[in-house]
Amino acid sequence: MNLKQLLSGLKIKADYISLRSVHTHSASVSVRNEVLEGVSTSHDHGLMVEVMVGGQIAYSATNSFELSDVQRAAEVALQSAHHAHKYGLYHFSAKERPPVVGEYSSPAKYGINHFHPSEVTDILMKLSSEMKVHDHVISRSAFYNLSEMDTHLVATNGTDIKQKIVRSVISLSATATSDKGTQTRTYGGDKATQAGIEELNLGVLLGEAKRVATEALEMLNAEECPSETMELILAPDQMFLQIHESIGHPLELDRILGDERNYAGWSFVKPSDFGTLRYGSELMNVTFDQQSRDKMQVILPMISEPLRRENILSEMEFSKEDWDPLNRKRA
């Protein structure tokens, strides 16, 4: 039974119901020092039910696609929505779930159906062997993972979205050791690419394999970094990340109120900190462009006069008109 048939077969009363199925198929091969460490495959298939009743949204899930099991999950979600309604900080409406129809597929040429363990193993063996540039290179690892995730979302408002994400992950690692110490150089790893097995290009990867092994050897003979006070140059992406982590996350409303404490975590910022908390040095000035306010979220503090205000956390903004769950007076 497909999702649309399951949706039409549900017998519950709700303002909005959606079903989202996710099917993930993954395959991996790992080689170390020209020895096959393992071949693994995995399949994961599940379904999430979302309901909206009286402006309250709730969820449930099941790994079964039998109508009776999906009906049971929908009833659990419905019951959760009714119980949570009286505690809701904000009651949603249909505009938070507009009807959307679309389809997307990663630009992969060859997906999981073209994954042949013997061929992948042969390539990884050659890469491991290529890293053997010296006896001091004692550990040479090569890893490859290919995964496909198919997602399908249908809803009672006509939403029908299909998405296929194909990811390719290549990882090379070379560790060199001597009486001077141990050094490791790597390539790839967490840099997953939306592409298929065509990314496993032996011609390109042989050069990378030799490079990481050679660099590991060079690091063994490199001079120690001097211990002294020096200027530090940080790339812009480090600043972006620091603002995101140190300012963005702590100012998320669900963290401040504690709703996320058992999930993503709490925040050191408290409602009483607004107007008093110093968020950095007097030289720090963080502003936020309020041109776009189409989503309900806590945004960065507005500090338009940093020298006069001395970087005190001064304002929290909400994009829903006049909605302030902290019940503070607005200027």
C-alpha atoms as a PDB file:
ATOM      1  CA  MET A   1       0.000   0.000   0.000  1.00  0.00           C
ATOM      2  CA  ASN A   2       1.494   3.372  -0.998  1.00  0.00           C
ATOM      3  CA  LEU A   3       1.506   6.486   1.182  1.00  0.00           C
ATOM      4  CA  LYS A   4      -1.491   8.132  -0.445  1.00  0.00           C
ATOM      5  CA  GLN A   5      -3.569   5.008   0.085  1.00  0.00           C
ATOM      6  CA  LEU A   6      -2.434   4.812   3.707  1.00  0.00           C
ATOM      7  CA  LEU A   7      -3.293   8.474   4.251  1.00  0.00           C
ATOM      8  CA  SER A   8      -6.765   8.128   2.776  1.00  0.00           C
ATOM      9  CA  GLY A   9      -7.360   5.017   4.887  1.00  0.00           C
ATOM     10  CA  LEU A  10      -6.717   6.707   8.260  1.00  0.00           C
ATOM     11  CA  LYS A  11      -9.770   7.115  10.498  1.00  0.00           C
ATOM     12  CA  ILE A  12      -8.958  10.048  12.767  1.00  0.00           C
ATOM     13  CA  LYS A  13     -10.286  13.611  12.988  1.00  0.00           C
ATOM     14  CA  ALA A  14      -7.555  16.215  12.652  1.00  0.00           C
ATOM     15  CA  ASP A  15      -7.065  19.561  10.936  1.00  0.00           C
ATOM     16  CA  TYR A  16      -3.964  18.258   9.176  1.00  0.00           C
ATOM     17  CA  ILE A  17      -2.307  14.860   8.775  1.00  0.00           C
ATOM     18  CA  SER A  18       0.933  13.992   7.010  1.00  0.00           C
ATOM     19  CA  LEU A  19       2.851  10.769   6.426  1.00  0.00           C
ATOM     20  CA  ARG A  20       6.580  10.803   5.754  1.00  0.00           C
ATOM     21  CA  SER A  21       8.447   7.652   4.801  1.00  0.00           C
ATOM     22  CA  VAL A  22      12.237   7.445   4.856  1.00  0.00           C
ATOM     23  CA  HIS A  23      14.142   4.550   3.292  1.00  0.00           C
ATOM     24  CA  THR A  24      17.931   4.500   3.679  1.00  0.00           C
ATOM     25  CA  HIS A  25      20.228   1.957   2.017  1.00  0.00           C
ATOM     26  CA  SER A  26      23.939   2.145   2.809  1.00  0.00           C
ATOM     27  CA  ALA A  27      27.017   0.092   1.875  1.00  0.00           C
ATOM     28  CA  SER A  28      30.614   0.413   3.113  1.00  0.00           C
ATOM     29  CA  VAL A  29      34.037  -1.158   2.615  1.00  0.00           C
ATOM     30  CA  SER A  30      37.066  -0.644   4.872  1.00  0.00           C
ATOM     31  CA  VAL A  31      40.705  -1.591   4.204  1.00  0.00           C
ATOM     32  CA  ARG A  32      43.741  -1.200   6.459  1.00  0.00           C
ATOM     33  CA  ASN A  33      47.329  -2.021   5.484  1.00  0.00           C
ATOM     34  CA  GLU A  34      46.101  -3.880   2.384  1.00  0.00           C
ATOM     35  CA  VAL A  35      43.863  -6.101   4.511  1.00  0.00           C
ATOM     36  CA  LEU A  36      40.083  -6.094   4.115  1.00  0.00           C
ATOM     37  CA  GLU A  37      38.606  -5.107   7.468  1.00  0.00           C
ATOM     38  CA  GLY A  38      34.973  -5.423   6.541  1.00  0.00           C
ATOM     39  CA  VAL A  39      32.072  -4.993   4.166  1.00  0.00           C
ATOM     40  CA  SER A  40      28.767  -3.829   5.584  1.00  0.00           C
ATOM     41  CA  THR A  41      25.318  -2.972   4.311  1.00  0.00           C
ATOM     42  CA  SER A  42      22.305  -1.590   6.090  1.00  0.00           C
ATOM     43  CA  HIS A  43      18.641  -0.910   5.354  1.00  0.00           C
ATOM     44  CA  ASP A  44      16.451   1.416   7.395  1.00  0.00           C
ATOM     45  CA  HIS A  45      12.796   2.030   6.588  1.00  0.00           C
ATOM     46  CA  GLY A  46      10.275   3.890   8.729  1.00  0.00           C
ATOM     47  CA  LEU A  47       7.254   6.153   8.672  1.00  0.00           C
ATOM     48  CA  MET A  48       6.400   9.268  10.678  1.00  0.00           C
ATOM     49  CA  VAL A  49       2.872  10.536  11.275  1.00  0.00           C
ATOM     50  CA  GLU A  50       2.260  14.224  11.995  1.00  0.00           C
ATOM     51  CA  VAL A  51      -1.119  15.629  13.053  1.00  0.00           C
ATOM     52  CA  MET A  52      -2.383  19.123  13.831  1.00  0.00           C
ATOM     53  CA  VAL A  53      -5.412  19.573  16.069  1.00  0.00           C
ATOM     54  CA  GLY A  54      -6.580  22.949  17.324  1.00  0.00           C
ATOM     55  CA  GLY A  55      -3.231  24.453  16.409  1.00  0.00           C
ATOM     56  CA  GLN A  56      -1.190  21.827  18.268  1.00  0.00           C
ATOM     57  CA  ILE A  57       1.226  19.615  16.313  1.00  0.00           C
ATOM     58  CA  ALA A  58       2.265  16.150  17.498  1.00  0.00           C
ATOM     59  CA  TYR A  59       4.027  13.117  16.048  1.00  0.00           C
ATOM     60  CA  SER A  60       4.352   9.378  16.184  1.00  0.00           C
ATOM     61  CA  ALA A  61       6.258   6.788  14.174  1.00  0.00           C
ATOM     62  CA  THR A  62       6.230   3.164  13.104  1.00  0.00           C
ATOM     63  CA  ASN A  63       8.427   0.788  11.117  1.00  0.00           C
ATOM     64  CA  SER A  64       5.372  -0.924   9.664  1.00  0.00           C
ATOM     65  CA  PHE A  65       3.473   0.055   6.539  1.00  0.00           C
ATOM     66  CA  GLU A  66       0.381  -1.954   7.409  1.00  0.00           C
ATOM     67  CA  LEU A  67      -2.701   0.272   7.633  1.00  0.00           C
ATOM     68  CA  SER A  68      -3.569  -1.022  11.119  1.00  0.00           C
ATOM     69  CA  ASP A  69      -0.114  -0.080  12.463  1.00  0.00           C
ATOM     70  CA  VAL A  70      -0.136   3.332  10.799  1.00  0.00           C
ATOM     71  CA  GLN A  71      -3.648   3.902  12.202  1.00  0.00           C
ATOM     72  CA  ARG A  72      -2.306   3.070  15.685  1.00  0.00           C
ATOM     73  CA  ALA A  73       0.574   5.529  15.265  1.00  0.00           C
ATOM     74  CA  ALA A  74      -1.826   8.237  14.074  1.00  0.00           C
ATOM     75  CA  GLU A  75      -3.998   7.695  17.154  1.00  0.00           C
ATOM     76  CA  VAL A  76      -0.943   8.069  19.409  1.00  0.00           C
ATOM     77  CA  ALA A  77      -0.033  11.342  17.671  1.00  0.00           C
ATOM     78  CA  LEU A  78      -3.621  12.561  17.989  1.00  0.00           C
ATOM     79  CA  GLN A  79      -3.692  11.753  21.697  1.00  0.00           C
ATOM     80  CA  SER A  80      -0.363  13.533  22.200  1.00  0.00           C
ATOM     81  CA  ALA A  81      -1.705  16.632  20.423  1.00  0.00           C
ATOM     82  CA  HIS A  82      -4.755  16.753  22.677  1.00  0.00           C
ATOM     83  CA  HIS A  83      -2.641  16.361  25.825  1.00  0.00           C
ATOM     84  CA  ALA A  84      -0.057  18.975  24.735  1.00  0.00           C
ATOM     85  CA  HIS A  85      -2.599  21.557  23.576  1.00  0.00           C
ATOM     86  CA  LYS A  86      -3.037  23.233  26.961  1.00  0.00           C
ATOM     87  CA  TYR A  87       0.724  23.644  27.323  1.00  0.00           C
ATOM     88  CA  GLY A  88       1.346  25.098  23.860  1.00  0.00           C
ATOM     89  CA  LEU A  89       3.186  28.423  23.689  1.00  0.00           C
ATOM     90  CA  TYR A  90       1.824  29.063  20.223  1.00  0.00           C
ATOM     91  CA  HIS A  91      -1.054  27.485  18.329  1.00  0.00           C
ATOM     92  CA  PHE A  92      -0.340  26.931  14.667  1.00  0.00           C
ATOM     93  CA  SER A  93      -2.625  27.220  11.673  1.00  0.00           C
ATOM     94  CA  ALA A  94      -2.770  25.844   8.141  1.00  0.00           C
ATOM     95  CA  LYS A  95      -0.354  28.521   6.900  1.00  0.00           C
ATOM     96  CA  GLU A  96       2.471  26.766   8.788  1.00  0.00           C
ATOM     97  CA  ARG A  97       1.850  23.749   6.582  1.00  0.00           C
ATOM     98  CA  PRO A  98       1.247  25.114   3.082  1.00  0.00           C
ATOM     99  CA  PRO A  99       0.601  22.605   0.284  1.00  0.00           C
ATOM    100  CA  VAL A 100       3.820  21.813  -1.590  1.00  0.00           C
ATOM    101  CA  VAL A 101       4.402  19.517  -4.545  1.00  0.00           C
ATOM    102  CA  GLY A 102       7.891  18.771  -5.844  1.00  0.00           C
ATOM    103  CA  GLU A 103      10.653  16.287  -6.487  1.00  0.00           C
ATOM    104  CA  TYR A 104      14.445  16.352  -6.104  1.00  0.00           C
ATOM    105  CA  SER A 105      17.231  13.890  -6.862  1.00  0.00           C
ATOM    106  CA  SER A 106      20.951  14.229  -6.177  1.00  0.00           C
ATOM    107  CA  PRO A 107      23.049  14.626  -9.353  1.00  0.00           C
ATOM    108  CA  ALA A 108      24.477  11.120  -9.038  1.00  0.00           C
ATOM    109  CA  LYS A 109      25.299   9.057 -12.108  1.00  0.00           C
ATOM    110  CA  TYR A 110      25.585   5.682 -10.385  1.00  0.00           C
ATOM    111  CA  GLY A 111      23.752   4.890  -7.171  1.00  0.00           C
ATOM    112  CA  ILE A 112      23.613   2.026  -4.719  1.00  0.00           C
ATOM    113  CA  ASN A 113      22.609  -0.476  -7.421  1.00  0.00           C
ATOM    114  CA  HIS A 114      26.080  -0.040  -8.940  1.00  0.00           C
ATOM    115  CA  PHE A 115      27.897  -0.762  -5.670  1.00  0.00           C
ATOM    116  CA  HIS A 116      29.937  -3.961  -6.119  1.00  0.00           C
ATOM    117  CA  PRO A 117      31.969  -4.842  -2.993  1.00  0.00           C
ATOM    118  CA  SER A 118      34.715  -6.669  -4.905  1.00  0.00           C
ATOM    119  CA  GLU A 119      35.353  -3.701  -7.213  1.00  0.00           C
ATOM    120  CA  VAL A 120      35.333  -1.186  -4.355  1.00  0.00           C
ATOM    121  CA  THR A 121      37.662  -3.414  -2.324  1.00  0.00           C
ATOM    122  CA  ASP A 122      40.110  -3.622  -5.221  1.00  0.00           C
ATOM    123  CA  ILE A 123      40.251   0.183  -5.480  1.00  0.00           C
ATOM    124  CA  LEU A 124      40.753   0.630  -1.736  1.00  0.00           C
ATOM    125  CA  MET A 125      43.522  -1.996  -1.707  1.00  0.00           C
ATOM    126  CA  LYS A 126      45.382  -0.039  -4.380  1.00  0.00           C
ATOM    127  CA  LEU A 127      44.951   3.195  -2.422  1.00  0.00           C
ATOM    128  CA  SER A 128      46.265   1.570   0.752  1.00  0.00           C
ATOM    129  CA  SER A 129      49.254   0.200  -1.139  1.00  0.00           C
ATOM    130  CA  GLU A 130      49.937   3.624  -2.679  1.00  0.00           C
ATOM    131  CA  MET A 131      50.340   5.085   0.818  1.00  0.00           C
ATOM    132  CA  LYS A 132      53.200   2.685   1.583  1.00  0.00           C
ATOM    133  CA  VAL A 133      55.884   5.199   0.620  1.00  0.00           C
ATOM    134  CA  HIS A 134      58.194   4.353   3.549  1.00  0.00           C
ATOM    135  CA  ASP A 135      58.525   1.766   6.313  1.00  0.00           C
ATOM    136  CA  HIS A 136      57.746   4.528   8.810  1.00  0.00           C
ATOM    137  CA  VAL A 137      54.164   4.703   7.446  1.00  0.00           C
ATOM    138  CA  ILE A 138      52.810   1.993   9.747  1.00  0.00           C
ATOM    139  CA  SER A 139      49.070   2.525   9.285  1.00  0.00           C
ATOM    140  CA  ARG A 140      47.306   3.043   5.969  1.00  0.00           C
ATOM    141  CA  SER A 141      43.508   3.134   5.928  1.00  0.00           C
ATOM    142  CA  ALA A 142      41.042   3.506   3.073  1.00  0.00           C
ATOM    143  CA  PHE A 143      37.270   3.649   3.525  1.00  0.00           C
ATOM    144  CA  TYR A 144      34.301   4.184   1.227  1.00  0.00           C
ATOM    145  CA  ASN A 145      30.597   4.546   1.950  1.00  0.00           C
ATOM    146  CA  LEU A 146      27.720   4.999  -0.465  1.00  0.00           C
ATOM    147  CA  SER A 147      24.206   5.722   0.749  1.00  0.00           C
ATOM    148  CA  GLU A 148      20.803   6.495  -0.705  1.00  0.00           C
ATOM    149  CA  MET A 149      17.970   8.095   1.229  1.00  0.00           C
ATOM    150  CA  ASP A 150      14.511   8.136  -0.342  1.00  0.00           C
ATOM    151  CA  THR A 151      11.986  10.388   1.382  1.00  0.00           C
ATOM    152  CA  HIS A 152       8.311  10.732   0.470  1.00  0.00           C
ATOM    153  CA  LEU A 153       5.912  13.138   2.184  1.00  0.00           C
ATOM    154  CA  VAL A 154       2.161  13.297   1.576  1.00  0.00           C
ATOM    155  CA  ALA A 155      -0.452  15.274   3.498  1.00  0.00           C
ATOM    156  CA  THR A 156      -4.170  15.912   3.622  1.00  0.00           C
ATOM    157  CA  ASN A 157      -3.664  19.408   2.164  1.00  0.00           C
ATOM    158  CA  GLY A 158      -2.339  17.949  -1.099  1.00  0.00           C
ATOM    159  CA  THR A 159       1.368  18.038  -0.283  1.00  0.00           C
ATOM    160  CA  ASP A 160       3.368  15.447  -2.242  1.00  0.00           C
ATOM    161  CA  ILE A 161       7.165  15.723  -2.027  1.00  0.00           C
ATOM    162  CA  LYS A 162       9.703  13.138  -3.145  1.00  0.00           C
ATOM    163  CA  GLN A 163      13.435  13.382  -2.517  1.00  0.00           C
ATOM    164  CA  LYS A 164      16.383  11.088  -3.250  1.00  0.00           C
ATOM    165  CA  ILE A 165      19.713  11.971  -1.657  1.00  0.00           C
ATOM    166  CA  VAL A 166      22.771   9.983  -2.780  1.00  0.00           C
ATOM    167  CA  ARG A 167      25.928  10.539  -0.729  1.00  0.00           C
ATOM    168  CA  SER A 168      29.462   9.357  -1.365  1.00  0.00           C
ATOM    169  CA  VAL A 169      32.119   9.392   1.391  1.00  0.00           C
ATOM    170  CA  ILE A 170      35.800   8.618   0.775  1.00  0.00           C
ATOM    171  CA  SER A 171      38.332   8.541   3.597  1.00  0.00           C
ATOM    172  CA  LEU A 172      42.111   8.034   3.444  1.00  0.00           C
ATOM    173  CA  SER A 173      44.454   8.082   6.431  1.00  0.00           C
ATOM    174  CA  ALA A 174      48.212   7.586   6.748  1.00  0.00           C
ATOM    175  CA  THR A 175      50.088   7.423  10.065  1.00  0.00           C
ATOM    176  CA  ALA A 176      53.864   7.633  10.211  1.00  0.00           C
ATOM    177  CA  THR A 177      55.970   7.003  13.319  1.00  0.00           C
ATOM    178  CA  SER A 178      59.626   7.142  14.344  1.00  0.00           C
ATOM    179  CA  ASP A 179      61.685   8.024  17.408  1.00  0.00           C
ATOM    180  CA  LYS A 180      60.626  11.632  16.783  1.00  0.00           C
ATOM    181  CA  GLY A 181      56.944  10.885  17.339  1.00  0.00           C
ATOM    182  CA  THR A 182      53.808  10.024  15.392  1.00  0.00           C
ATOM    183  CA  GLN A 183      51.988  12.008  12.722  1.00  0.00           C
ATOM    184  CA  THR A 184      48.762  11.376  10.808  1.00  0.00           C
ATOM    185  CA  ARG A 185      47.459  13.001   7.644  1.00  0.00           C
ATOM    186  CA  THR A 186      44.013  12.407   6.150  1.00  0.00           C
ATOM    187  CA  TYR A 187      41.905  13.037   3.088  1.00  0.00           C
ATOM    188  CA  GLY A 188      38.114  13.171   2.777  1.00  0.00           C
ATOM    189  CA  GLY A 189      36.370  11.684   5.775  1.00  0.00           C
ATOM    190  CA  ASP A 190      33.448  13.853   6.765  1.00  0.00           C
ATOM    191  CA  LYS A 191      33.294  15.637   3.408  1.00  0.00           C
ATOM    192  CA  ALA A 192      30.319  13.758   2.007  1.00  0.00           C
ATOM    193  CA  THR A 193      29.364  14.654  -1.540  1.00  0.00           C
ATOM    194  CA  GLN A 194      25.969  14.421  -3.191  1.00  0.00           C
ATOM    195  CA  ALA A 195      27.245  12.081  -5.858  1.00  0.00           C
ATOM    196  CA  GLY A 196      27.329   8.386  -6.689  1.00  0.00           C
ATOM    197  CA  ILE A 197      30.052   5.799  -6.944  1.00  0.00           C
ATOM    198  CA  GLU A 198      31.587   7.740  -9.818  1.00  0.00           C
ATOM    199  CA  GLU A 199      33.351   9.726  -7.063  1.00  0.00           C
ATOM    200  CA  LEU A 200      35.534   6.680  -6.438  1.00  0.00           C
ATOM    201  CA  ASN A 201      37.941   7.821  -9.164  1.00  0.00           C
ATOM    202  CA  LEU A 202      41.143   5.793  -8.848  1.00  0.00           C
ATOM    203  CA  GLY A 203      43.181   8.154 -11.043  1.00  0.00           C
ATOM    204  CA  VAL A 204      42.479  11.117  -8.756  1.00  0.00           C
ATOM    205  CA  LEU A 205      42.601   9.218  -5.474  1.00  0.00           C
ATOM    206  CA  LEU A 206      46.006   7.601  -6.101  1.00  0.00           C
ATOM    207  CA  GLY A 207      47.541  11.078  -6.071  1.00  0.00           C
ATOM    208  CA  GLU A 208      45.746  11.959  -2.829  1.00  0.00           C
ATOM    209  CA  ALA A 209      46.843   8.695  -1.212  1.00  0.00           C
ATOM    210  CA  LYS A 210      50.497   9.343  -1.992  1.00  0.00           C
ATOM    211  CA  ARG A 211      50.173  12.955  -0.831  1.00  0.00           C
ATOM    212  CA  VAL A 212      48.794  12.188   2.652  1.00  0.00           C
ATOM    213  CA  ALA A 213      51.452   9.521   3.255  1.00  0.00           C
ATOM    214  CA  THR A 214      54.251  11.822   2.096  1.00  0.00           C
ATOM    215  CA  GLU A 215      52.950  14.665   4.255  1.00  0.00           C
ATOM    216  CA  ALA A 216      52.808  12.396   7.297  1.00  0.00           C
ATOM    217  CA  LEU A 217      56.516  11.628   6.794  1.00  0.00           C
ATOM    218  CA  GLU A 218      57.310  15.301   6.300  1.00  0.00           C
ATOM    219  CA  MET A 219      55.506  16.145   9.527  1.00  0.00           C
ATOM    220  CA  LEU A 220      57.767  13.722  11.409  1.00  0.00           C
ATOM    221  CA  ASN A 221      60.819  15.727  10.375  1.00  0.00           C
ATOM    222  CA  ALA A 222      59.253  19.171  10.684  1.00  0.00           C
ATOM    223  CA  GLU A 223      60.451  21.590  13.358  1.00  0.00           C
ATOM    224  CA  GLU A 224      58.374  21.844  16.510  1.00  0.00           C
ATOM    225  CA  CYS A 225      55.968  24.769  16.614  1.00  0.00           C
ATOM    226  CA  PRO A 226      57.628  27.486  18.739  1.00  0.00           C
ATOM    227  CA  SER A 227      56.139  28.189  22.168  1.00  0.00           C
ATOM    228  CA  GLU A 228      55.638  31.954  22.206  1.00  0.00           C
ATOM    229  CA  THR A 229      52.965  34.591  21.867  1.00  0.00           C
ATOM    230  CA  MET A 230      52.162  35.209  18.202  1.00  0.00           C
ATOM    231  CA  GLU A 231      49.438  36.697  16.082  1.00  0.00           C
ATOM    232  CA  LEU A 232      46.708  34.243  15.116  1.00  0.00           C
ATOM    233  CA  ILE A 233      44.969  34.475  11.772  1.00  0.00           C
ATOM    234  CA  LEU A 234      41.520  32.875  11.628  1.00  0.00           C
ATOM    235  CA  ALA A 235      39.610  32.282   8.412  1.00  0.00           C
ATOM    236  CA  PRO A 236      36.138  33.895   8.167  1.00  0.00           C
ATOM    237  CA  ASP A 237      34.384  30.531   8.474  1.00  0.00           C
ATOM    238  CA  GLN A 238      35.716  30.221  12.040  1.00  0.00           C
ATOM    239  CA  MET A 239      34.018  33.518  12.901  1.00  0.00           C
ATOM    240  CA  PHE A 240      30.770  32.360  11.296  1.00  0.00           C
ATOM    241  CA  LEU A 241      30.882  29.140  13.298  1.00  0.00           C
ATOM    242  CA  GLN A 242      31.657  30.947  16.569  1.00  0.00           C
ATOM    243  CA  ILE A 243      28.711  33.328  16.117  1.00  0.00           C
ATOM    244  CA  HIS A 244      26.462  30.411  15.228  1.00  0.00           C
ATOM    245  CA  GLU A 245      27.462  28.354  18.269  1.00  0.00           C
ATOM    246  CA  SER A 246      28.078  31.028  20.917  1.00  0.00           C
ATOM    247  CA  ILE A 247      25.275  33.453  20.034  1.00  0.00           C
ATOM    248  CA  GLY A 248      22.823  31.724  17.732  1.00  0.00           C
ATOM    249  CA  HIS A 249      22.121  28.521  19.665  1.00  0.00           C
ATOM    250  CA  PRO A 250      22.021  30.081  23.168  1.00  0.00           C
ATOM    251  CA  LEU A 251      19.389  32.583  21.977  1.00  0.00           C
ATOM    252  CA  GLU A 252      17.007  29.940  20.659  1.00  0.00           C
ATOM    253  CA  LEU A 253      13.755  30.329  22.553  1.00  0.00           C
ATOM    254  CA  ASP A 254      13.157  26.627  23.164  1.00  0.00           C
ATOM    255  CA  ARG A 255      16.594  26.364  24.786  1.00  0.00           C
ATOM    256  CA  ILE A 256      16.061  29.462  26.960  1.00  0.00           C
ATOM    257  CA  LEU A 257      12.681  28.197  28.162  1.00  0.00           C
ATOM    258  CA  GLY A 258      14.086  24.696  28.702  1.00  0.00           C
ATOM    259  CA  ASP A 259      11.898  22.876  26.181  1.00  0.00           C
ATOM    260  CA  GLU A 260      14.982  21.389  24.496  1.00  0.00           C
ATOM    261  CA  ARG A 261      16.904  20.457  27.639  1.00  0.00           C
ATOM    262  CA  ASN A 262      16.401  16.717  27.078  1.00  0.00           C
ATOM    263  CA  TYR A 263      17.179  16.937  23.357  1.00  0.00           C
ATOM    264  CA  ALA A 264      19.510  19.551  21.876  1.00  0.00           C
ATOM    265  CA  GLY A 265      20.330  21.076  25.264  1.00  0.00           C
ATOM    266  CA  TRP A 266      19.619  24.066  27.467  1.00  0.00           C
ATOM    267  CA  SER A 267      21.065  27.604  27.292  1.00  0.00           C
ATOM    268  CA  PHE A 268      23.136  29.651  29.713  1.00  0.00           C
ATOM    269  CA  VAL A 269      20.954  32.658  28.769  1.00  0.00           C
ATOM    270  CA  LYS A 270      18.015  33.264  31.094  1.00  0.00           C
ATOM    271  CA  PRO A 271      14.994  35.527  30.454  1.00  0.00           C
ATOM    272  CA  SER A 272      16.281  37.856  33.176  1.00  0.00           C
ATOM    273  CA  ASP A 273      19.593  38.329  31.309  1.00  0.00           C
ATOM    274  CA  PHE A 274      18.136  40.681  28.714  1.00  0.00           C
ATOM    275  CA  GLY A 275      19.396  44.156  29.462  1.00  0.00           C
ATOM    276  CA  THR A 276      22.103  42.963  31.856  1.00  0.00           C
ATOM    277  CA  LEU A 277      24.182  40.138  30.336  1.00  0.00           C
ATOM    278  CA  ARG A 278      27.510  41.169  28.823  1.00  0.00           C
ATOM    279  CA  TYR A 279      28.006  39.073  25.693  1.00  0.00           C
ATOM    280  CA  GLY A 280      31.606  39.962  24.922  1.00  0.00           C
ATOM    281  CA  SER A 281      34.100  42.815  24.941  1.00  0.00           C
ATOM    282  CA  GLU A 282      33.159  46.428  24.201  1.00  0.00           C
ATOM    283  CA  LEU A 283      34.613  45.939  20.718  1.00  0.00           C
ATOM    284  CA  MET A 284      32.143  43.218  19.838  1.00  0.00           C
ATOM    285  CA  ASN A 285      29.108  44.299  17.844  1.00  0.00           C
ATOM    286  CA  VAL A 286      26.520  41.818  16.567  1.00  0.00           C
ATOM    287  CA  THR A 287      23.521  42.970  14.548  1.00  0.00           C
ATOM    288  CA  PHE A 288      20.787  41.219  12.638  1.00  0.00           C
ATOM    289  CA  ASP A 289      19.073  42.229   9.395  1.00  0.00           C
ATOM    290  CA  GLN A 290      15.353  42.179  10.123  1.00  0.00           C
ATOM    291  CA  GLN A 291      14.280  42.430   6.498  1.00  0.00           C
ATOM    292  CA  SER A 292      13.146  38.800   6.549  1.00  0.00           C
ATOM    293  CA  ARG A 293      10.870  37.815   9.450  1.00  0.00           C
ATOM    294  CA  ASP A 294       8.759  35.053   7.996  1.00  0.00           C
ATOM    295  CA  LYS A 295       9.635  32.354  10.530  1.00  0.00           C
ATOM    296  CA  MET A 296       9.065  32.150  14.259  1.00  0.00           C
ATOM    297  CA  GLN A 297      12.496  32.138  15.805  1.00  0.00           C
ATOM    298  CA  VAL A 298      14.673  33.937  18.296  1.00  0.00           C
ATOM    299  CA  ILE A 299      17.255  35.978  16.437  1.00  0.00           C
ATOM    300  CA  LEU A 300      20.537  37.619  17.345  1.00  0.00           C
ATOM    301  CA  PRO A 301      20.631  40.529  19.811  1.00  0.00           C
ATOM    302  CA  MET A 302      20.254  43.972  18.314  1.00  0.00           C
ATOM    303  CA  ILE A 303      23.240  46.060  19.464  1.00  0.00           C
ATOM    304  CA  SER A 304      23.164  49.178  17.327  1.00  0.00           C
ATOM    305  CA  GLU A 305      25.319  51.339  19.655  1.00  0.00           C
ATOM    306  CA  PRO A 306      27.989  48.992  21.040  1.00  0.00           C
ATOM    307  CA  LEU A 307      30.127  51.693  22.726  1.00  0.00           C
ATOM    308  CA  ARG A 308      27.223  53.208  24.609  1.00  0.00           C
ATOM    309  CA  ARG A 309      25.529  49.908  25.367  1.00  0.00           C
ATOM    310  CA  GLU A 310      28.834  48.155  26.047  1.00  0.00           C
ATOM    311  CA  ASN A 311      27.632  45.008  24.287  1.00  0.00           C
ATOM    312  CA  ILE A 312      24.843  44.194  26.712  1.00  0.00           C
ATOM    313  CA  LEU A 313      22.347  41.620  25.443  1.00  0.00           C
ATOM    314  CA  SER A 314      19.575  44.038  24.617  1.00  0.00           C
ATOM    315  CA  GLU A 315      16.745  42.616  22.585  1.00  0.00           C
ATOM    316  CA  MET A 316      15.054  39.422  21.496  1.00  0.00           C
ATOM    317  CA  GLU A 317      12.923  39.461  18.387  1.00  0.00           C
ATOM    318  CA  PHE A 318      10.049  37.214  17.335  1.00  0.00           C
ATOM    319  CA  SER A 319       8.705  37.084  13.819  1.00  0.00           C
ATOM    320  CA  LYS A 320       5.078  36.450  14.791  1.00  0.00           C
ATOM    321  CA  GLU A 321       3.398  39.803  15.216  1.00  0.00           C
ATOM    322  CA  ASP A 322       3.232  40.877  18.861  1.00  0.00           C
ATOM    323  CA  TRP A 323       3.918  37.356  20.122  1.00  0.00           C
ATOM    324  CA  ASP A 324       6.351  37.311  23.033  1.00  0.00           C
ATOM    325  CA  PRO A 325       6.279  34.157  25.192  1.00  0.00           C
ATOM    326  CA  LEU A 326       8.446  35.905  27.792  1.00  0.00           C
ATOM    327  CA  ASN A 327       5.687  38.537  28.204  1.00  0.00           C
ATOM    328  CA  ARG A 328       8.127  41.420  28.139  1.00  0.00           C
ATOM    329  CA  LYS A 329       7.032  44.933  27.246  1.00  0.00           C
ATOM    330  CA  ARG A 330       8.103  45.976  23.801  1.00  0.00           C
ATOM    331  CA  ALA A 331       9.507  49.403  23.048  1.00  0.00           C
END
